[in-house]
Amino acid sequence: MTVNSVKKVKSLNGTIRVPGDKSISHRAVMFGAIAEGTTTVEGFLPGEDCLSTIACFQKLGVNIEQDGERVTIEGKGWEGLEEPSDILDVGNSGTTTRLMLGILATRPFHSVVIGDDSIAKRPMARVTNPLRKMGAEIDGRNEGNFTPLSIRGGQTKGITYQSKVASAQVKSCLLLAGLQSEGTTSVTEPALSRDHTERMLEAYGVTVTREGLTVSVEGGQALKAQHIVVPGDVSSAAFFLVAGAIVPNSEITLQGVGLNPTRSGIIDVLKLMGASLKLTNETMVGGEPIADVTIKTSELHGIEISGDLIPRLIDEIPVIAVLASQANGTTIIKDAEELKVKETNRIDTVVSELTKLGVSIQATEDGMIINGGALLKGATVNSYGDHRIGMAMAIAGLIAEGDVTIERSDAIAVSYPSFFEHISLLEEK
């Protein structure tokens, strides 16, 4: 078991570039694999999750070369995918699992998908059930709700699907299957989830129709190879945005952060809580808005976070809870039941681990209540194998009296391999 200890710092100052966006890195590889021609990717996140995506598509017969943040994919179109001779191991990656199922569902061969202990607990019926309605043969534990999953793809037909959850993974899975299905596939969500798939499919030459909360594609469309530049991951940036706001005498600039409006809820929360935050060098890269973000130590106040804001910051809630612990007043997070089916039950893990550090925090059925003004104390905490829990605890450790020791800190490499290095770069020496 890997253990890291974090000590209180006097301040954090400087400029860093956070790793490439995890969601976009996954999609760049997958879409390049099913496209016709050679796709090149710059700014790829070489974290464990995205490397799992590369490994899976290599087993499907795609030639992929990765050198740090640069990836080259020799796509041979949909028909170029081959039946794998080995099990497809997704590691800890829910994105790899669910999006790849949408691709495998239309391929005329058999494949088996498996992951780690965390993936084995994550619900897959939200994608396997609609894929079955399209005509794919899928089986697995608990009637296909959990990995390992067995997929025999083939002739599929488009469906009109009303998703019960605002999930980019569900939407993306069905759109990918719809591209190789007969007729039209439409997905309607209760709220708008992140739209990286729609944006990138259009970049690869696919026609995507959007109307309100409904997205549709016609079957029979091919993807054309592209050059993809991956912006900085706003979910990774969130940890240092929070650090810059709560560590005394700090000013941090994060360069080239992706600010897709379906993902930038953390920016809205910081502004609503009164943070001193500025955006500069705003531009577009590959259909995605990016900017440099500067955050300074700020006096914060509690707010309510709920409704349509939740899908735009669901992955950032662990570190938002740390932020809220330092605000004046109470912060209430509601409508966030989706936290229960992440890498961990993030409601329970956030509450249990922050309580160890002295935060007054209470779990609710759909979120949590955080009382601000906490004086954090050192303690031993556990990531439970969840990268975002591990990083949130590390940020808390930067202002705690006494060392915060993080067990299973190796999980952080899933999305941010250089996380502790970047803390050191910003720390006052």
Protein backbone atom coordinates (compact mmCIF):
# COMPACT_ATOMS: atom_id res chain seq x y z
CA MET A 1 0.00 0.00 0.00
CA THR A 2 1.36 3.41 -1.02
CA VAL A 3 1.23 6.14 1.64
CA ASN A 4 1.87 9.88 1.25
CA SER A 5 1.97 12.50 3.99
CA VAL A 6 1.05 16.14 3.36
CA LYS A 7 2.22 18.98 5.61
CA LYS A 8 0.80 22.44 6.15
CA VAL A 9 2.30 25.07 3.80
CA LYS A 10 2.77 28.82 4.25
CA SER A 11 1.48 29.67 0.78
CA LEU A 12 1.15 28.41 -2.79
CA ASN A 13 2.31 30.65 -5.63
CA GLY A 14 3.17 30.19 -9.27
CA THR A 15 1.96 28.86 -12.60
CA ILE A 16 1.33 25.24 -13.61
CA ARG A 17 -0.33 23.39 -16.46
CA VAL A 18 -2.61 20.61 -15.22
CA PRO A 19 -2.72 17.28 -17.08
CA GLY A 20 -4.83 16.84 -20.20
CA ASP A 21 -8.56 16.33 -19.82
CA LYS A 22 -9.29 12.71 -18.92
CA SER A 23 -12.69 12.59 -20.63
CA ILE A 24 -11.32 14.06 -23.87
CA SER A 25 -8.21 11.84 -23.79
CA HIS A 26 -10.38 8.72 -23.58
CA ARG A 27 -12.57 9.84 -26.46
CA ALA A 28 -9.68 10.93 -28.67
CA VAL A 29 -8.24 7.41 -28.53
CA MET A 30 -11.57 5.60 -28.95
CA PHE A 31 -12.78 7.76 -31.81
CA GLY A 32 -9.38 7.59 -33.49
CA ALA A 33 -9.53 3.80 -33.24
CA ILE A 34 -12.83 3.61 -35.16
CA ALA A 35 -11.96 6.43 -37.59
CA GLU A 36 -10.49 6.01 -41.05
CA GLY A 37 -6.87 7.20 -41.24
CA THR A 38 -4.21 8.31 -38.77
CA THR A 39 -5.27 10.35 -35.75
CA THR A 40 -2.71 12.26 -33.69
CA VAL A 41 -3.37 13.46 -30.15
CA GLU A 42 -1.43 16.15 -28.26
CA GLY A 43 -1.84 16.81 -24.55
CA PHE A 44 -3.04 13.26 -23.85
CA LEU A 45 -3.34 12.35 -20.16
CA PRO A 46 -0.95 9.41 -19.54
CA GLY A 47 -2.84 8.39 -16.39
CA GLU A 48 -3.78 4.81 -15.65
CA ASP A 49 -7.40 5.15 -16.78
CA CYS A 50 -6.51 6.48 -20.22
CA LEU A 51 -3.73 3.92 -20.62
CA SER A 52 -6.39 1.25 -20.01
CA THR A 53 -8.31 2.62 -23.00
CA ILE A 54 -5.21 2.36 -25.19
CA ALA A 55 -4.53 -1.21 -24.02
CA CYS A 56 -8.11 -2.31 -24.75
CA PHE A 57 -8.13 -0.96 -28.28
CA GLN A 58 -4.72 -2.44 -28.98
CA LYS A 59 -6.27 -5.81 -28.10
CA LEU A 60 -8.98 -5.01 -30.63
CA GLY A 61 -6.34 -4.87 -33.35
CA VAL A 62 -5.69 -1.13 -33.49
CA ASN A 63 -2.08 0.07 -33.84
CA ILE A 64 -1.61 2.78 -31.18
CA GLU A 65 1.72 4.39 -30.28
CA GLN A 66 1.96 6.48 -27.10
CA ASP A 67 4.93 8.66 -26.16
CA GLY A 68 4.12 10.66 -23.06
CA GLU A 69 1.43 13.18 -23.99
CA ARG A 70 1.51 12.37 -27.71
CA VAL A 71 -0.49 9.48 -29.18
CA THR A 72 -0.77 8.20 -32.75
CA ILE A 73 -3.69 5.95 -33.69
CA GLU A 74 -3.80 4.06 -36.99
CA GLY A 75 -7.53 3.82 -37.49
CA LYS A 76 -9.00 1.33 -39.97
CA GLY A 77 -12.63 2.30 -39.52
CA TRP A 78 -15.37 0.36 -37.75
CA GLU A 79 -14.65 -2.76 -39.78
CA GLY A 80 -10.99 -2.68 -38.76
CA LEU A 81 -11.75 -3.74 -35.18
CA GLU A 82 -10.91 -7.40 -34.58
CA GLU A 83 -12.22 -9.98 -32.16
CA PRO A 84 -9.88 -9.87 -29.15
CA SER A 85 -8.02 -13.05 -28.22
CA ASP A 86 -7.84 -11.93 -24.59
CA ILE A 87 -10.11 -10.34 -22.00
CA LEU A 88 -10.44 -6.53 -22.27
CA ASP A 89 -9.27 -5.20 -18.88
CA VAL A 90 -10.50 -1.64 -18.22
CA GLY A 91 -8.70 -1.32 -14.88
CA ASN A 92 -10.40 1.39 -12.82
CA SER A 93 -11.99 3.22 -15.75
CA GLY A 94 -15.76 3.56 -15.88
CA THR A 95 -15.48 5.70 -19.01
CA THR A 96 -13.55 2.99 -20.85
CA THR A 97 -16.09 0.38 -19.79
CA ARG A 98 -19.29 2.14 -20.72
CA LEU A 99 -18.18 3.88 -23.92
CA MET A 100 -16.39 0.80 -25.24
CA LEU A 101 -19.55 -1.26 -24.69
CA GLY A 102 -21.33 1.02 -27.15
CA ILE A 103 -18.69 0.25 -29.76
CA LEU A 104 -18.51 -3.49 -29.05
CA ALA A 105 -22.30 -3.83 -29.19
CA THR A 106 -22.28 -3.27 -32.96
CA ARG A 107 -19.26 -5.43 -33.86
CA PRO A 108 -19.88 -8.96 -35.21
CA PHE A 109 -17.68 -10.77 -32.70
CA HIS A 110 -17.46 -11.83 -29.06
CA SER A 111 -15.59 -9.98 -26.32
CA VAL A 112 -15.33 -10.04 -22.54
CA VAL A 113 -14.84 -6.91 -20.42
CA ILE A 114 -13.48 -6.94 -16.88
CA GLY A 115 -12.06 -4.37 -14.47
CA ASP A 116 -10.72 -3.96 -10.95
CA ASP A 117 -12.65 -4.41 -7.69
CA SER A 118 -14.08 -0.90 -7.91
CA ILE A 119 -15.39 -1.40 -11.47
CA ALA A 120 -16.95 -4.69 -10.36
CA LYS A 121 -19.24 -2.69 -8.05
CA ARG A 122 -20.29 0.00 -10.52
CA PRO A 123 -23.72 -0.33 -12.18
CA MET A 124 -23.65 -1.25 -15.86
CA ALA A 125 -27.35 -1.96 -16.42
CA ARG A 126 -27.76 1.72 -17.26
CA VAL A 127 -25.96 0.94 -20.55
CA THR A 128 -26.38 -2.83 -21.00
CA ASN A 129 -30.19 -2.66 -20.84
CA PRO A 130 -30.61 -0.09 -23.63
CA LEU A 131 -27.90 -1.83 -25.70
CA ARG A 132 -29.91 -5.04 -25.46
CA LYS A 133 -32.96 -3.14 -26.69
CA MET A 134 -30.87 -2.19 -29.72
CA GLY A 135 -30.16 -5.87 -30.39
CA ALA A 136 -26.82 -6.60 -28.72
CA GLU A 137 -26.34 -9.81 -26.74
CA ILE A 138 -24.84 -8.94 -23.36
CA ASP A 139 -24.56 -11.07 -20.25
CA GLY A 140 -22.76 -10.76 -16.95
CA ARG A 141 -23.15 -10.81 -13.19
CA ASN A 142 -26.54 -9.81 -11.82
CA GLU A 143 -28.09 -10.09 -15.30
CA GLY A 144 -25.49 -7.86 -16.87
CA ASN A 145 -25.40 -5.14 -14.22
CA PHE A 146 -21.82 -5.84 -13.14
CA THR A 147 -18.57 -6.90 -14.73
CA PRO A 148 -17.32 -9.27 -16.01
CA LEU A 149 -19.50 -8.70 -19.08
CA SER A 150 -19.77 -10.85 -22.18
CA ILE A 151 -20.73 -9.04 -25.40
CA ARG A 152 -21.69 -10.55 -28.73
CA GLY A 153 -22.38 -7.65 -31.06
CA GLY A 154 -23.96 -7.56 -34.48
CA GLN A 155 -26.98 -6.10 -36.23
CA THR A 156 -28.42 -3.35 -34.05
CA LYS A 157 -31.27 -0.90 -34.51
CA GLY A 158 -31.54 2.67 -33.33
CA ILE A 159 -33.74 3.48 -30.35
CA THR A 160 -35.29 6.49 -28.68
CA TYR A 161 -34.10 6.39 -25.09
CA GLN A 162 -35.12 8.42 -22.06
CA SER A 163 -32.23 8.23 -19.60
CA LYS A 164 -33.10 8.35 -15.90
CA VAL A 165 -29.74 9.92 -15.08
CA ALA A 166 -27.83 12.84 -16.56
CA SER A 167 -24.81 10.75 -17.54
CA ALA A 168 -22.35 11.52 -20.31
CA GLN A 169 -21.23 7.88 -20.21
CA VAL A 170 -24.75 6.57 -20.87
CA LYS A 171 -25.37 9.14 -23.59
CA SER A 172 -21.99 8.53 -25.25
CA CYS A 173 -22.34 4.75 -25.16
CA LEU A 174 -25.70 4.83 -26.96
CA LEU A 175 -24.61 7.45 -29.50
CA LEU A 176 -21.57 5.35 -30.40
CA ALA A 177 -23.77 2.28 -30.83
CA GLY A 178 -26.22 4.38 -32.83
CA LEU A 179 -23.56 5.31 -35.38
CA GLN A 180 -23.48 1.69 -36.55
CA SER A 181 -27.17 0.88 -36.06
CA GLU A 182 -30.08 0.96 -38.48
CA GLY A 183 -32.04 4.22 -38.32
CA THR A 184 -31.87 7.02 -35.76
CA THR A 185 -30.71 6.82 -32.15
CA SER A 186 -31.89 9.55 -29.78
CA VAL A 187 -31.01 10.03 -26.11
CA THR A 188 -32.91 12.41 -23.83
CA GLU A 189 -31.53 13.32 -20.39
CA PRO A 190 -33.17 14.84 -17.30
CA ALA A 191 -30.42 17.51 -17.31
CA LEU A 192 -27.58 18.31 -19.67
CA SER A 193 -24.49 16.17 -18.99
CA ARG A 194 -21.02 16.92 -20.34
CA ASP A 195 -21.02 17.11 -24.14
CA HIS A 196 -17.44 16.18 -25.09
CA THR A 197 -18.72 13.26 -27.19
CA GLU A 198 -21.02 15.44 -29.28
CA ARG A 199 -18.30 18.04 -29.86
CA MET A 200 -15.64 15.49 -30.76
CA LEU A 201 -17.90 13.41 -33.01
CA GLU A 202 -18.57 16.58 -34.99
CA ALA A 203 -14.81 17.20 -35.19
CA TYR A 204 -14.45 13.67 -36.63
CA GLY A 205 -17.02 14.51 -39.32
CA VAL A 206 -20.17 13.02 -37.76
CA THR A 207 -23.52 14.82 -38.01
CA VAL A 208 -25.00 15.22 -34.52
CA THR A 209 -28.46 16.73 -33.95
CA ARG A 210 -29.10 18.52 -30.66
CA GLU A 211 -32.46 19.80 -29.51
CA GLY A 212 -32.83 20.80 -25.88
CA LEU A 213 -31.94 17.77 -23.74
CA THR A 214 -32.10 15.37 -26.69
CA VAL A 215 -29.15 14.30 -28.85
CA SER A 216 -29.54 12.18 -32.00
CA VAL A 217 -27.34 10.48 -34.61
CA GLU A 218 -28.14 8.62 -37.80
CA GLY A 219 -26.67 5.16 -38.33
CA GLY A 220 -24.11 4.37 -41.01
CA GLN A 221 -21.79 7.32 -40.35
CA ALA A 222 -18.03 7.00 -40.63
CA LEU A 223 -15.42 8.94 -38.68
CA LYS A 224 -12.46 10.65 -40.39
CA ALA A 225 -9.09 10.86 -38.65
CA GLN A 226 -8.20 14.15 -36.95
CA HIS A 227 -5.47 15.99 -35.06
CA ILE A 228 -6.77 16.46 -31.50
CA VAL A 229 -5.33 18.91 -28.95
CA VAL A 230 -6.48 18.02 -25.43
CA PRO A 231 -7.11 20.97 -23.08
CA GLY A 232 -6.18 20.90 -19.39
CA ASP A 233 -8.60 18.90 -17.25
CA VAL A 234 -10.90 21.19 -15.26
CA SER A 235 -11.53 18.35 -12.79
CA SER A 236 -7.78 18.22 -12.06
CA ALA A 237 -7.58 22.01 -12.01
CA ALA A 238 -10.33 22.07 -9.35
CA PHE A 239 -7.94 20.78 -6.67
CA PHE A 240 -5.51 23.65 -7.17
CA LEU A 241 -8.31 26.20 -7.58
CA VAL A 242 -9.53 25.17 -4.14
CA ALA A 243 -5.98 25.19 -2.77
CA GLY A 244 -5.40 28.70 -4.10
CA ALA A 245 -8.60 29.91 -2.46
CA ILE A 246 -8.02 28.43 1.02
CA VAL A 247 -4.23 28.39 1.57
CA PRO A 248 -3.15 31.78 3.03
CA ASN A 249 -1.20 34.28 0.89
CA SER A 250 -1.62 32.26 -2.30
CA GLU A 251 -1.98 33.09 -5.98
CA ILE A 252 -2.01 30.28 -8.56
CA THR A 253 -2.42 30.45 -12.33
CA LEU A 254 -3.48 27.31 -14.18
CA GLN A 255 -2.75 27.46 -17.91
CA GLY A 256 -4.92 26.17 -20.74
CA VAL A 257 -7.80 24.78 -18.66
CA GLY A 258 -10.77 23.37 -20.56
CA LEU A 259 -13.90 25.33 -19.63
CA ASN A 260 -16.59 23.42 -21.46
CA PRO A 261 -19.85 24.85 -20.04
CA THR A 262 -21.11 21.34 -19.21
CA ARG A 263 -18.03 20.83 -17.00
CA SER A 264 -17.23 24.25 -15.52
CA GLY A 265 -19.54 24.16 -12.49
CA ILE A 266 -16.52 24.47 -10.18
CA ILE A 267 -15.88 27.96 -11.61
CA ASP A 268 -19.48 28.95 -10.86
CA VAL A 269 -19.25 27.60 -7.31
CA LEU A 270 -16.04 29.50 -6.59
CA LYS A 271 -17.60 32.72 -7.87
CA LEU A 272 -20.82 32.16 -5.90
CA MET A 273 -18.78 31.58 -2.73
CA GLY A 274 -16.93 34.85 -3.27
CA ALA A 275 -13.56 33.62 -4.53
CA SER A 276 -11.12 35.99 -6.20
CA LEU A 277 -10.90 34.34 -9.64
CA LYS A 278 -9.95 35.66 -13.08
CA LEU A 279 -10.01 34.15 -16.59
CA THR A 280 -7.49 35.28 -19.23
CA ASN A 281 -6.32 34.14 -22.67
CA GLU A 282 -9.75 32.70 -23.50
CA THR A 283 -9.84 30.82 -26.81
CA MET A 284 -11.15 27.67 -28.54
CA VAL A 285 -9.18 24.47 -29.24
CA GLY A 286 -10.84 21.68 -31.22
CA GLY A 287 -14.31 22.98 -30.42
CA GLU A 288 -13.54 23.22 -26.69
CA PRO A 289 -13.23 26.57 -24.84
CA ILE A 290 -10.03 27.02 -22.82
CA ALA A 291 -8.53 29.77 -20.66
CA ASP A 292 -5.87 30.51 -18.08
CA VAL A 293 -7.44 30.64 -14.60
CA THR A 294 -5.93 32.65 -11.74
CA ILE A 295 -7.15 32.16 -8.16
CA LYS A 296 -6.14 34.06 -5.03
CA THR A 297 -6.69 33.43 -1.33
CA SER A 298 -10.29 34.43 -0.71
CA GLU A 299 -12.88 35.03 1.99
CA LEU A 300 -15.64 32.54 1.21
CA HIS A 301 -19.25 32.05 2.26
CA GLY A 302 -21.47 28.97 2.23
CA ILE A 303 -24.01 28.34 -0.54
CA GLU A 304 -26.48 25.70 -1.72
CA ILE A 305 -25.33 23.53 -4.63
CA SER A 306 -28.14 21.62 -6.31
CA GLY A 307 -30.25 21.06 -9.42
CA ASP A 308 -28.78 21.52 -12.90
CA LEU A 309 -25.45 22.60 -11.40
CA ILE A 310 -24.75 19.10 -10.05
CA PRO A 311 -24.01 17.30 -13.37
CA ARG A 312 -21.58 20.13 -14.21
CA LEU A 313 -19.41 19.46 -11.12
CA ILE A 314 -20.23 15.94 -9.94
CA ASP A 315 -16.55 14.86 -9.99
CA GLU A 316 -15.44 17.97 -8.10
CA ILE A 317 -17.71 17.54 -5.07
CA PRO A 318 -15.03 15.88 -2.86
CA VAL A 319 -12.77 18.92 -3.12
CA ILE A 320 -15.74 21.32 -3.01
CA ALA A 321 -16.47 19.83 0.42
CA VAL A 322 -12.94 20.83 1.47
CA LEU A 323 -13.57 24.32 0.07
CA ALA A 324 -16.86 24.57 1.98
CA SER A 325 -15.16 23.59 5.24
CA GLN A 326 -13.24 26.89 5.08
CA ALA A 327 -16.19 29.12 4.16
CA ASN A 328 -18.25 31.24 6.52
CA GLY A 329 -21.60 29.60 7.19
CA THR A 330 -23.09 26.37 5.89
CA THR A 331 -22.89 24.78 2.45
CA ILE A 332 -25.60 22.32 1.41
CA ILE A 333 -25.10 19.90 -1.49
CA LYS A 334 -28.29 18.29 -2.82
CA ASP A 335 -29.46 16.20 -5.81
CA ALA A 336 -26.12 14.37 -5.94
CA GLU A 337 -27.22 10.73 -5.56
CA GLU A 338 -24.87 9.88 -8.44
CA LEU A 339 -21.99 10.22 -5.95
CA LYS A 340 -23.00 6.85 -4.51
CA VAL A 341 -21.97 4.95 -7.67
CA LYS A 342 -18.60 6.53 -8.40
CA GLU A 343 -15.25 4.84 -7.65
CA THR A 344 -16.51 4.81 -4.07
CA ASN A 345 -19.73 5.96 -2.46
CA ARG A 346 -18.36 9.49 -2.39
CA ILE A 347 -20.99 10.76 0.02
CA ASP A 348 -19.86 8.26 2.66
CA THR A 349 -16.11 8.53 1.96
CA VAL A 350 -16.01 12.33 1.88
CA VAL A 351 -17.95 12.54 5.15
CA SER A 352 -15.94 9.84 6.95
CA GLU A 353 -12.50 11.12 5.92
CA LEU A 354 -13.16 14.84 6.41
CA THR A 355 -14.66 14.08 9.83
CA LYS A 356 -11.28 12.59 10.79
CA LEU A 357 -9.70 15.96 9.93
CA GLY A 358 -12.09 17.90 12.15
CA VAL A 359 -14.71 19.02 9.61
CA SER A 360 -18.31 19.32 10.81
CA ILE A 361 -20.01 17.47 7.96
CA GLN A 362 -23.18 15.40 7.72
CA ALA A 363 -24.28 12.93 5.04
CA THR A 364 -27.76 13.16 3.55
CA GLU A 365 -29.60 10.87 1.15
CA ASP A 366 -28.58 12.95 -1.87
CA GLY A 367 -25.55 14.90 -0.72
CA MET A 368 -24.07 16.48 2.39
CA ILE A 369 -24.18 19.46 4.73
CA ILE A 370 -20.85 21.14 5.54
CA ASN A 371 -20.44 23.67 8.34
CA GLY A 372 -17.69 26.14 7.54
CA GLY A 373 -14.93 27.63 9.64
CA ALA A 374 -13.24 24.33 10.49
CA LEU A 375 -9.74 24.27 11.96
CA LEU A 376 -8.34 21.15 10.33
CA LYS A 377 -6.12 18.73 12.23
CA GLY A 378 -3.71 16.06 11.07
CA ALA A 379 -4.88 12.46 10.85
CA THR A 380 -4.52 9.28 8.82
CA VAL A 381 -7.10 9.07 6.04
CA ASN A 382 -7.75 6.62 3.20
CA SER A 383 -8.50 7.20 -0.49
CA TYR A 384 -10.31 3.84 -0.66
CA GLY A 385 -8.75 3.54 -4.13
CA ASP A 386 -10.57 6.67 -5.32
CA HIS A 387 -8.25 9.23 -6.93
CA ARG A 388 -10.49 12.22 -6.23
CA ILE A 389 -10.85 11.34 -2.55
CA GLY A 390 -7.08 11.02 -2.26
CA MET A 391 -6.43 14.42 -3.86
CA ALA A 392 -9.16 16.14 -1.83
CA MET A 393 -7.55 14.88 1.39
CA ALA A 394 -4.16 16.12 0.21
CA ILE A 395 -5.53 19.62 -0.41
CA ALA A 396 -7.04 19.59 3.08
CA GLY A 397 -3.63 18.60 4.42
CA LEU A 398 -2.12 21.83 3.09
CA ILE A 399 -3.95 23.81 5.81
CA ALA A 400 -4.15 21.22 8.60
CA GLU A 401 -2.26 21.46 11.90
CA GLY A 402 -0.25 18.26 11.82
CA ASP A 403 0.50 15.80 9.04
CA VAL A 404 -2.31 14.33 6.95
CA THR A 405 -1.27 10.81 5.96
CA ILE A 406 -3.10 9.38 2.95
CA GLU A 407 -3.30 5.61 2.65
CA ARG A 408 -3.68 4.14 -0.87
CA SER A 409 -2.44 7.41 -2.33
CA ASP A 410 -1.31 5.53 -5.46
CA ALA A 411 -4.91 5.91 -6.70
CA ILE A 412 -4.11 9.55 -7.52
CA ALA A 413 -2.06 8.40 -10.54
CA VAL A 414 -5.32 7.38 -12.22
CA SER A 415 -5.92 10.98 -13.30
CA TYR A 416 -3.04 13.14 -12.04
CA PRO A 417 0.37 11.39 -11.98
CA SER A 418 2.23 14.69 -11.32
CA PHE A 419 -0.10 15.87 -8.52
CA PHE A 420 2.41 15.86 -5.63
CA GLU A 421 5.12 17.27 -7.89
CA HIS A 422 2.88 20.24 -8.69
CA ILE A 423 2.24 20.88 -4.99
CA SER A 424 6.02 21.04 -4.48
CA LEU A 425 6.44 23.45 -7.42
CA LEU A 426 3.94 25.90 -5.91
CA GLU A 427 5.04 25.59 -2.29
CA GLU A 428 7.05 28.42 -0.74
CA LYS A 429 10.56 27.15 -0.20
